[in-house]
C-alpha atoms as a PDB file:
ATOM      1  CA  MET A   1      97.686 -44.115  -2.010  1.00  0.00           C
ATOM      2  CA  GLY A   2     100.832 -42.467  -3.249  1.00  0.00           C
ATOM      3  CA  TRP A   3     103.952 -42.564  -5.034  1.00  0.00           C
ATOM      4  CA  ASP A   4     106.180 -45.626  -4.994  1.00  0.00           C
ATOM      5  CA  LYS A   5     109.449 -45.477  -2.900  1.00  0.00           C
ATOM      6  CA  ASN A   6     111.478 -43.848  -5.618  1.00  0.00           C
ATOM      7  CA  GLY A   7     108.743 -41.500  -6.772  1.00  0.00           C
ATOM      8  CA  ARG A   8     108.529 -42.925 -10.243  1.00  0.00           C
ATOM      9  CA  TYR A   9     104.840 -43.788 -10.462  1.00  0.00           C
ATOM     10  CA  TYR A  10     101.597 -43.047  -8.630  1.00  0.00           C
ATOM     11  CA  THR A  11      99.114 -45.738  -7.427  1.00  0.00           C
ATOM     12  CA  ARG A  12      95.909 -45.477  -5.440  1.00  0.00           C
ATOM     13  CA  SER A  13      93.980 -47.983  -3.442  1.00  0.00           C
ATOM     14  CA  LYS A  14      90.310 -48.819  -3.877  1.00  0.00           C
ATOM     15  CA  ARG A  15      87.977 -51.507  -2.528  1.00  0.00           C
ATOM     16  CA  VAL A  16      86.779 -54.269  -4.916  1.00  0.00           C
ATOM     17  CA  ASN A  17      84.434 -56.894  -3.354  1.00  0.00           C
ATOM     18  CA  GLY A  18      85.618 -55.974   0.169  1.00  0.00           C
ATOM     19  CA  ARG A  19      89.291 -56.236  -0.724  1.00  0.00           C
ATOM     20  CA  VAL A  20      91.720 -53.419  -1.055  1.00  0.00           C
ATOM     21  CA  VAL A  21      93.312 -53.315  -4.550  1.00  0.00           C
ATOM     22  CA  ARG A  22      96.040 -51.025  -5.697  1.00  0.00           C
ATOM     23  CA  GLU A  23      95.511 -49.363  -8.987  1.00  0.00           C
ATOM     24  CA  TYR A  24      98.423 -48.252 -11.012  1.00  0.00           C
ATOM     25  CA  VAL A  25      97.765 -44.727 -12.441  1.00  0.00           C
ATOM     26  CA  GLY A  26     101.090 -43.747 -14.029  1.00  0.00           C
ATOM     27  CA  GLY A  27     104.224 -41.775 -13.667  1.00  0.00           C
ATOM     28  CA  GLY A  28     105.429 -38.281 -14.655  1.00  0.00           C
ATOM     29  CA  ARG A  29     102.894 -35.613 -15.478  1.00  0.00           C
ATOM     30  CA  VAL A  30      99.867 -38.035 -15.483  1.00  0.00           C
ATOM     31  CA  GLY A  31     100.779 -39.219 -12.042  1.00  0.00           C
ATOM     32  CA  GLU A  32     101.146 -35.777 -10.720  1.00  0.00           C
ATOM     33  CA  LEU A  33      97.770 -34.613 -12.026  1.00  0.00           C
ATOM     34  CA  VAL A  34      95.867 -37.624 -10.687  1.00  0.00           C
ATOM     35  CA  ALA A  35      97.692 -37.200  -7.401  1.00  0.00           C
ATOM     36  CA  ARG A  36      96.516 -33.565  -7.209  1.00  0.00           C
ATOM     37  CA  MET A  37      93.008 -34.543  -8.150  1.00  0.00           C
ATOM     38  CA  ASP A  38      92.972 -37.224  -5.416  1.00  0.00           C
ATOM     39  CA  ALA A  39      94.266 -34.616  -2.927  1.00  0.00           C
ATOM     40  CA  ILE A  40      91.517 -32.205  -3.915  1.00  0.00           C
ATOM     41  CA  LYS A  41      88.839 -34.912  -3.466  1.00  0.00           C
ATOM     42  CA  ARG A  42      90.261 -35.847  -0.063  1.00  0.00           C
ATOM     43  CA  ASP A  43      90.195 -32.176   1.009  1.00  0.00           C
ATOM     44  CA  LYS A  44      86.650 -31.844  -0.192  1.00  0.00           C
ATOM     45  CA  ARG A  45      85.534 -34.911   1.788  1.00  0.00           C
ATOM     46  CA  GLU A  46      87.243 -33.562   4.886  1.00  0.00           C
ATOM     47  CA  THR A  47      85.562 -30.262   4.474  1.00  0.00           C
ATOM     48  CA  GLU A  48      82.172 -31.907   4.027  1.00  0.00           C
ATOM     49  CA  ARG A  49      82.731 -34.013   7.213  1.00  0.00           C
ATOM     50  CA  GLN A  50      83.632 -30.900   9.188  1.00  0.00           C
ATOM     51  CA  CYS A  51      80.586 -29.056   7.884  1.00  0.00           C
ATOM     52  CA  ALA A  52      78.345 -31.960   8.892  1.00  0.00           C
ATOM     53  CA  ARG A  53      79.949 -32.114  12.330  1.00  0.00           C
ATOM     54  CA  LEU A  54      79.365 -28.375  12.830  1.00  0.00           C
ATOM     55  CA  GLU A  55      75.754 -28.752  11.722  1.00  0.00           C
ATOM     56  CA  ARG A  56      75.189 -31.624  14.153  1.00  0.00           C
ATOM     57  CA  GLU A  57      76.697 -29.602  16.926  1.00  0.00           C
ATOM     58  CA  GLU A  58      74.509 -26.578  16.072  1.00  0.00           C
ATOM     59  CA  VAL A  59      71.384 -28.716  16.074  1.00  0.00           C
ATOM     60  CA  ALA A  60      72.401 -30.326  19.404  1.00  0.00           C
ATOM     61  CA  GLU A  61      72.797 -26.843  20.845  1.00  0.00           C
ATOM     62  CA  LEU A  62      69.418 -25.755  19.593  1.00  0.00           C
ATOM     63  CA  ASP A  63      67.863 -28.940  20.950  1.00  0.00           C
ATOM     64  CA  ALA A  64      69.339 -28.501  24.472  1.00  0.00           C
ATOM     65  CA  PRO A  65      66.532 -26.239  25.868  1.00  0.00           C
ATOM     66  CA  LEU A  66      63.850 -28.708  24.363  1.00  0.00           C
ATOM     67  CA  VAL A  67      65.488 -31.724  26.054  1.00  0.00           C
ATOM     68  CA  GLU A  68      65.557 -29.840  29.335  1.00  0.00           C
ATOM     69  CA  LEU A  69      61.858 -28.839  28.866  1.00  0.00           C
ATOM     70  CA  ASN A  70      61.019 -32.518  28.050  1.00  0.00           C
ATOM     71  CA  GLU A  71      62.747 -33.738  31.176  1.00  0.00           C
ATOM     72  CA  LEU A  72      60.924 -31.150  33.386  1.00  0.00           C
ATOM     73  CA  ALA A  73      57.570 -32.085  31.821  1.00  0.00           C
ATOM     74  CA  ASP A  74      58.236 -35.777  32.545  1.00  0.00           C
ATOM     75  CA  LEU A  75      59.162 -34.891  36.114  1.00  0.00           C
ATOM     76  CA  LEU A  76      56.041 -32.749  36.555  1.00  0.00           C
ATOM     77  CA  ALA A  77      53.825 -35.605  35.126  1.00  0.00           C
ATOM     78  CA  ARG A  78      55.461 -38.150  37.359  1.00  0.00           C
ATOM     79  CA  ALA A  79      54.921 -35.989  40.426  1.00  0.00           C
ATOM     80  CA  ALA A  80      51.220 -35.401  39.449  1.00  0.00           C
ATOM     81  CA  LEU A  81      50.579 -39.145  38.991  1.00  0.00           C
ATOM     82  CA  LEU A  82      52.321 -40.010  42.330  1.00  0.00           C
ATOM     83  CA  ALA A  83      50.227 -37.303  44.145  1.00  0.00           C
ATOM     84  CA  ALA A  84      47.042 -38.803  42.613  1.00  0.00           C
ATOM     85  CA  GLY A  85      47.932 -42.159  44.025  1.00  0.00           C
ATOM     86  CA  TYR A  86      49.318 -43.900  41.037  1.00  0.00           C
ATOM     87  CA  VAL A  87      52.407 -46.158  40.951  1.00  0.00           C
ATOM     88  CA  GLN A  88      54.588 -47.090  37.944  1.00  0.00           C
ATOM     89  CA  HIS A  89      54.493 -50.802  37.400  1.00  0.00           C
ATOM     90  CA  ASN A  90      57.943 -52.277  36.438  1.00  0.00           C
ATOM     91  CA  ARG A  91      58.950 -49.058  34.732  1.00  0.00           C
ATOM     92  CA  GLY A  92      56.023 -49.392  32.413  1.00  0.00           C
ATOM     93  CA  ALA A  93      52.361 -48.429  32.730  1.00  0.00           C
ATOM     94  CA  TRP A  94      51.056 -46.246  35.571  1.00  0.00           C
ATOM     95  CA  ARG A  95      48.384 -48.045  37.699  1.00  0.00           C
ATOM     96  CA  LYS A  96      46.139 -46.796  40.425  1.00  0.00           C
ATOM     97  CA  LYS A  97      47.388 -48.032  43.888  1.00  0.00           C
ATOM     98  CA  ARG A  98      44.875 -50.327  45.624  1.00  0.00           C
ATOM     99  CA  GLY A  99      43.466 -49.454  49.035  1.00  0.00           C
END
């Protein structure tokens, strides 16, 4: 996206059927206004991406204690099953050990 080499007219790129196609917008005042609108849209998308990233980080931070609790519960269950004489068959079902 942008102005041509001499700054006479503004074009922008868009995808049509998987191909990138340059669209002529215009020069002068019209080109300037459309260029500003495109810049505002880009800034808005970037802000939304940053907000989504911060939200994901916040959720991951809140989930961290639950993940740790889940791992400890799995460890406790594994220890209880081993103490009761069970073995885990091929990382799958727990089975009572023979003899």
